[in-house]
């Protein structure tokens, strides 16, 4: 994988991670809701106008463009496992920023994911 392909894929993964955290933050602001036909429009409007949600959607949009550029420069079999880095980063940032628990079992799983990404990247 070229340095440019790696950089584009990494930026896409980082933006995807940021998008997940922003979406979760937005749902924390809006609060839990039951989605029914009667409240579909009010819930949709609350979500559409929540700045965290809008920021998350924008991050996903930019991430998609960067991901397409990364795929145009690298093999999908090498680039796609990099998405797994997002799992590890998301867990760490959700723990740090949102106070979500990270159990030893989850840490072990994240370690296995990172090891797999390293092995695939070196092949």
Protein backbone atom coordinates (compact mmCIF):
# COMPACT_ATOMS: atom_id res chain seq x y z
CA UNK A 1 0.00 0.00 0.00
CA UNK A 2 1.34 3.43 -0.86
CA UNK A 3 1.79 6.14 1.74
CA UNK A 4 -1.00 8.14 0.09
CA UNK A 5 -3.37 5.16 0.08
CA UNK A 6 -2.59 4.49 3.73
CA UNK A 7 -3.09 8.15 4.65
CA UNK A 8 -6.42 8.35 2.84
CA UNK A 9 -7.68 5.14 4.46
CA UNK A 10 -6.51 6.24 7.90
CA UNK A 11 -8.19 9.65 7.51
CA UNK A 12 -11.40 7.92 6.42
CA UNK A 13 -11.29 5.61 9.45
CA UNK A 14 -10.60 8.52 11.81
CA UNK A 15 -13.51 10.50 10.36
CA UNK A 16 -15.75 7.43 10.66
CA UNK A 17 -14.76 7.11 14.31
CA UNK A 18 -15.48 10.79 14.85
CA UNK A 19 -18.85 10.34 13.16
CA UNK A 20 -19.79 7.51 15.52
CA UNK A 21 -18.88 9.57 18.58
CA UNK A 22 -20.78 12.60 17.30
CA UNK A 23 -23.86 10.51 16.52
CA UNK A 24 -23.78 8.98 20.00
CA UNK A 25 -23.34 12.42 21.57
CA UNK A 26 -26.29 13.66 19.54
CA UNK A 27 -28.49 10.83 20.73
CA UNK A 28 -27.45 11.60 24.30
CA UNK A 29 -28.66 15.18 23.78
CA UNK A 30 -31.92 14.21 22.09
CA UNK A 31 -32.51 11.37 24.54
CA UNK A 32 -33.96 7.91 24.07
CA UNK A 33 -37.16 7.69 22.12
CA UNK A 34 -39.59 5.11 20.89
CA UNK A 35 -39.99 5.32 17.14
CA UNK A 36 -43.60 4.99 16.03
CA UNK A 37 -45.53 6.25 13.02
CA UNK A 38 -47.18 8.90 15.20
CA UNK A 39 -43.90 10.48 16.32
CA UNK A 40 -41.79 9.79 13.22
CA UNK A 41 -41.74 13.39 12.01
CA UNK A 42 -41.00 15.04 15.40
CA UNK A 43 -38.23 12.52 16.13
CA UNK A 44 -36.79 12.96 12.64
CA UNK A 45 -36.79 16.73 12.99
CA UNK A 46 -35.17 16.59 16.43
CA UNK A 47 -32.42 14.39 15.02
CA UNK A 48 -32.02 16.43 11.83
CA UNK A 49 -31.46 19.66 13.72
CA UNK A 50 -29.19 18.30 16.44
CA UNK A 51 -25.69 19.74 15.71
CA UNK A 52 -23.85 16.59 16.86
CA UNK A 53 -25.92 14.45 14.50
CA UNK A 54 -25.33 16.87 11.61
CA UNK A 55 -21.59 16.85 12.36
CA UNK A 56 -21.57 13.05 12.39
CA UNK A 57 -23.31 12.90 9.03
CA UNK A 58 -20.81 15.38 7.58
CA UNK A 59 -17.91 13.31 8.90
CA UNK A 60 -19.40 10.24 7.22
CA UNK A 61 -19.77 12.10 3.93
CA UNK A 62 -16.13 13.22 3.89
CA UNK A 63 -15.04 9.79 5.11
CA UNK A 64 -16.82 8.16 2.18
CA UNK A 65 -15.02 10.35 -0.35
CA UNK A 66 -11.63 9.66 1.25
CA UNK A 67 -12.41 5.94 1.41
CA UNK A 68 -13.22 5.85 -2.31
CA UNK A 69 -9.95 7.64 -3.04
CA UNK A 70 -8.07 5.12 -0.86
CA UNK A 71 -9.70 2.21 -2.69
CA UNK A 72 -8.72 3.70 -6.02
CA UNK A 73 -5.05 3.53 -4.96
CA UNK A 74 -4.88 0.25 -3.01
CA UNK A 75 -6.18 -3.30 -2.96
CA UNK A 76 -9.43 -3.65 -1.05
CA UNK A 77 -8.06 -6.77 0.66
CA UNK A 78 -5.33 -4.62 2.23
CA UNK A 79 -7.28 -1.42 2.86
CA UNK A 80 -10.51 -2.85 4.26
CA UNK A 81 -8.96 -4.41 7.39
CA UNK A 82 -7.93 -0.89 8.40
CA UNK A 83 -11.59 -0.29 9.25
CA UNK A 84 -10.90 -2.45 12.30
CA UNK A 85 -8.66 0.28 13.70
CA UNK A 86 -11.88 2.24 14.13
CA UNK A 87 -13.18 -0.40 16.57
CA UNK A 88 -10.18 0.07 18.86
CA UNK A 89 -10.16 3.83 18.57
CA UNK A 90 -13.90 4.05 19.10
CA UNK A 91 -13.75 1.98 22.28
CA UNK A 92 -10.91 4.07 23.69
CA UNK A 93 -12.53 7.40 22.86
CA UNK A 94 -15.98 6.29 24.03
CA UNK A 95 -14.40 5.33 27.36
CA UNK A 96 -12.52 8.62 27.61
CA UNK A 97 -15.14 11.04 26.28
CA UNK A 98 -18.45 9.33 27.04
CA UNK A 99 -17.59 7.28 30.12
CA UNK A 100 -18.47 3.96 28.48
CA UNK A 101 -17.03 0.84 30.15
CA UNK A 102 -14.12 -1.07 28.62
CA UNK A 103 -13.89 -4.53 30.14
CA UNK A 104 -10.79 -6.76 30.09
CA UNK A 105 -12.53 -9.05 27.59
CA UNK A 106 -13.17 -6.08 25.30
CA UNK A 107 -9.53 -4.99 25.64
CA UNK A 108 -8.38 -8.49 24.68
CA UNK A 109 -10.66 -8.43 21.63
CA UNK A 110 -9.31 -5.02 20.61
CA UNK A 111 -5.75 -6.36 20.94
CA UNK A 112 -6.59 -9.28 18.65
CA UNK A 113 -8.12 -6.87 16.12
CA UNK A 114 -5.02 -4.66 16.12
CA UNK A 115 -2.74 -7.68 15.74
CA UNK A 116 -4.82 -8.82 12.76
CA UNK A 117 -4.60 -5.41 11.11
CA UNK A 118 -0.83 -5.36 11.55
CA UNK A 119 -0.49 -8.84 10.05
CA UNK A 120 -2.67 -7.97 7.04
CA UNK A 121 -0.88 -4.65 6.47
CA UNK A 122 2.50 -6.38 6.43
CA UNK A 123 1.43 -9.04 3.93
